[in-house]
Amino acid sequence: DFTSRQFTNLQPGDLLFWTGTYKVHRSVPITHVMIYLGKNQNQEPLMFGASTDHHYQRNKIWGVSVFNFEPSLSAGARGHFVGYGCIPSLTCNERVV
């Protein structure tokens, strides 16, 4: 759930990390990164990046675009959200992470 405490420090410009969007053979299994944009006028969290199966305003979209940030994907979904972080020397400057 996006309202949980784990998202307290999430800020626009932060990177969102997923694993399992495709098969990899390496120790760090991050396979996808998006950029958190903040919340829209309806208080829905948004992200920007490339995707093959995400939603925005209840429409399914593919390609590079703005998408609803839905960290709690269904069990059968391809890819799992694993965390977020600020960009050193860019979005981390004014906060402690």
C-alpha atoms as a PDB file:
ATOM      1  CA  ASP A   1       0.000   0.000   0.000  1.00  0.00           C
ATOM      2  CA  PHE A   2       1.416   3.386  -1.043  1.00  0.00           C
ATOM      3  CA  THR A   3       0.277   5.005   2.215  1.00  0.00           C
ATOM      4  CA  SER A   4       2.469   2.715   4.327  1.00  0.00           C
ATOM      5  CA  ARG A   5       5.390   4.079   6.323  1.00  0.00           C
ATOM      6  CA  GLN A   6       7.941   2.696   3.873  1.00  0.00           C
ATOM      7  CA  PHE A   7       7.082   5.503   1.414  1.00  0.00           C
ATOM      8  CA  THR A   8       7.489   8.370   3.909  1.00  0.00           C
ATOM      9  CA  ASN A   9      10.734   9.634   2.322  1.00  0.00           C
ATOM     10  CA  LEU A  10       9.716   9.138  -1.322  1.00  0.00           C
ATOM     11  CA  GLN A  11      10.102  12.414  -3.243  1.00  0.00           C
ATOM     12  CA  PRO A  12       9.577  13.476  -6.884  1.00  0.00           C
ATOM     13  CA  GLY A  13      12.692  12.633  -8.879  1.00  0.00           C
ATOM     14  CA  ASP A  14      13.484   9.466  -6.906  1.00  0.00           C
ATOM     15  CA  LEU A  15      14.236   6.252  -8.772  1.00  0.00           C
ATOM     16  CA  LEU A  16      11.876   3.274  -8.412  1.00  0.00           C
ATOM     17  CA  PHE A  17      13.435  -0.191  -8.750  1.00  0.00           C
ATOM     18  CA  TRP A  18      11.879  -3.491  -9.916  1.00  0.00           C
ATOM     19  CA  THR A  19      13.123  -7.035 -10.227  1.00  0.00           C
ATOM     20  CA  GLY A  20      11.811  -9.890 -12.340  1.00  0.00           C
ATOM     21  CA  THR A  21      10.674  -7.947 -15.396  1.00  0.00           C
ATOM     22  CA  TYR A  22      12.883 -10.313 -17.389  1.00  0.00           C
ATOM     23  CA  LYS A  23      15.283 -13.124 -16.523  1.00  0.00           C
ATOM     24  CA  VAL A  24      18.829 -12.139 -15.514  1.00  0.00           C
ATOM     25  CA  HIS A  25      21.890 -14.056 -14.399  1.00  0.00           C
ATOM     26  CA  ARG A  26      23.627 -11.627 -12.040  1.00  0.00           C
ATOM     27  CA  SER A  27      23.798 -11.055  -8.286  1.00  0.00           C
ATOM     28  CA  VAL A  28      21.878  -7.735  -8.348  1.00  0.00           C
ATOM     29  CA  PRO A  29      18.582  -8.674  -9.986  1.00  0.00           C
ATOM     30  CA  ILE A  30      17.247  -5.125 -10.640  1.00  0.00           C
ATOM     31  CA  THR A  31      15.769  -5.223 -14.141  1.00  0.00           C
ATOM     32  CA  HIS A  32      13.757  -2.014 -14.404  1.00  0.00           C
ATOM     33  CA  VAL A  33      13.919   1.589 -13.161  1.00  0.00           C
ATOM     34  CA  MET A  34      11.270   4.325 -13.306  1.00  0.00           C
ATOM     35  CA  ILE A  35      11.223   7.938 -12.014  1.00  0.00           C
ATOM     36  CA  TYR A  36       8.714   8.976  -9.354  1.00  0.00           C
ATOM     37  CA  LEU A  37       6.855  12.154 -10.392  1.00  0.00           C
ATOM     38  CA  GLY A  38       4.761  12.837  -7.292  1.00  0.00           C
ATOM     39  CA  LYS A  39       0.983  12.847  -6.961  1.00  0.00           C
ATOM     40  CA  ASN A  40      -1.553  14.245  -9.410  1.00  0.00           C
ATOM     41  CA  GLN A  41      -4.573  16.394  -8.508  1.00  0.00           C
ATOM     42  CA  ASN A  42      -6.428  13.238  -7.390  1.00  0.00           C
ATOM     43  CA  GLN A  43      -3.552  12.313  -5.041  1.00  0.00           C
ATOM     44  CA  GLU A  44      -2.608   9.305  -7.190  1.00  0.00           C
ATOM     45  CA  PRO A  45       1.148   8.582  -7.241  1.00  0.00           C
ATOM     46  CA  LEU A  46       2.688   8.782 -10.726  1.00  0.00           C
ATOM     47  CA  MET A  47       5.907   7.552 -12.330  1.00  0.00           C
ATOM     48  CA  PHE A  48       7.629   8.031 -15.686  1.00  0.00           C
ATOM     49  CA  GLY A  49       9.518   5.501 -17.772  1.00  0.00           C
ATOM     50  CA  ALA A  50       9.107   2.606 -20.178  1.00  0.00           C
ATOM     51  CA  SER A  51       6.650  -0.209 -19.597  1.00  0.00           C
ATOM     52  CA  THR A  52       4.880  -2.981 -21.437  1.00  0.00           C
ATOM     53  CA  ASP A  53       1.875  -3.249 -19.131  1.00  0.00           C
ATOM     54  CA  HIS A  54       0.977  -0.408 -16.756  1.00  0.00           C
ATOM     55  CA  HIS A  55      -2.020   1.838 -16.219  1.00  0.00           C
ATOM     56  CA  TYR A  56      -2.646   5.555 -16.219  1.00  0.00           C
ATOM     57  CA  GLN A  57      -6.076   7.028 -15.551  1.00  0.00           C
ATOM     58  CA  ARG A  58      -7.600   3.526 -15.802  1.00  0.00           C
ATOM     59  CA  ASN A  59      -6.169   2.973 -19.311  1.00  0.00           C
ATOM     60  CA  LYS A  60      -3.573   0.332 -20.137  1.00  0.00           C
ATOM     61  CA  ILE A  61      -0.497   1.905 -21.749  1.00  0.00           C
ATOM     62  CA  TRP A  62       2.686   0.533 -23.342  1.00  0.00           C
ATOM     63  CA  GLY A  63       5.922   2.339 -24.167  1.00  0.00           C
ATOM     64  CA  VAL A  64       7.508   5.438 -22.616  1.00  0.00           C
ATOM     65  CA  SER A  65       4.920   7.470 -20.762  1.00  0.00           C
ATOM     66  CA  VAL A  66       3.452   8.510 -17.403  1.00  0.00           C
ATOM     67  CA  PHE A  67       1.960   5.642 -15.390  1.00  0.00           C
ATOM     68  CA  ASN A  68       0.221   5.138 -12.072  1.00  0.00           C
ATOM     69  CA  PHE A  69       2.786   4.021  -9.493  1.00  0.00           C
ATOM     70  CA  GLU A  70       1.362   0.771  -8.137  1.00  0.00           C
ATOM     71  CA  PRO A  71       3.993  -0.821  -5.881  1.00  0.00           C
ATOM     72  CA  SER A  72       1.687  -3.655  -4.775  1.00  0.00           C
ATOM     73  CA  LEU A  73       1.434  -5.675  -7.964  1.00  0.00           C
ATOM     74  CA  SER A  74      -0.653  -8.829  -8.069  1.00  0.00           C
ATOM     75  CA  ALA A  75       1.051 -12.159  -7.377  1.00  0.00           C
ATOM     76  CA  GLY A  76       0.855 -13.164 -11.050  1.00  0.00           C
ATOM     77  CA  ALA A  77       2.310  -9.906 -12.357  1.00  0.00           C
ATOM     78  CA  ARG A  78       5.640  -9.826 -14.133  1.00  0.00           C
ATOM     79  CA  GLY A  79       8.041  -7.781 -12.044  1.00  0.00           C
ATOM     80  CA  HIS A  80       8.064  -6.880  -8.376  1.00  0.00           C
ATOM     81  CA  PHE A  81       8.732  -3.479  -6.833  1.00  0.00           C
ATOM     82  CA  VAL A  82      11.737  -3.711  -4.504  1.00  0.00           C
ATOM     83  CA  GLY A  83      12.493  -0.161  -3.403  1.00  0.00           C
ATOM     84  CA  TYR A  84      13.394   3.411  -4.203  1.00  0.00           C
ATOM     85  CA  GLY A  85      16.242   5.834  -3.739  1.00  0.00           C
ATOM     86  CA  CYS A  86      17.282   9.386  -4.423  1.00  0.00           C
ATOM     87  CA  ILE A  87      19.851  10.317  -7.052  1.00  0.00           C
ATOM     88  CA  PRO A  88      23.183  11.298  -5.406  1.00  0.00           C
ATOM     89  CA  SER A  89      24.186  14.925  -6.068  1.00  0.00           C
ATOM     90  CA  LEU A  90      20.799  15.593  -7.649  1.00  0.00           C
ATOM     91  CA  THR A  91      17.760  14.676  -5.537  1.00  0.00           C
ATOM     92  CA  CYS A  92      19.528  13.612  -2.304  1.00  0.00           C
ATOM     93  CA  ASN A  93      21.057  17.009  -1.515  1.00  0.00           C
ATOM     94  CA  GLU A  94      18.471  18.303   0.933  1.00  0.00           C
ATOM     95  CA  ARG A  95      17.502  15.147   2.836  1.00  0.00           C
ATOM     96  CA  VAL A  96      18.885  12.227   4.702  1.00  0.00           C
ATOM     97  CA  VAL A  97      18.130   8.743   3.330  1.00  0.00           C
END
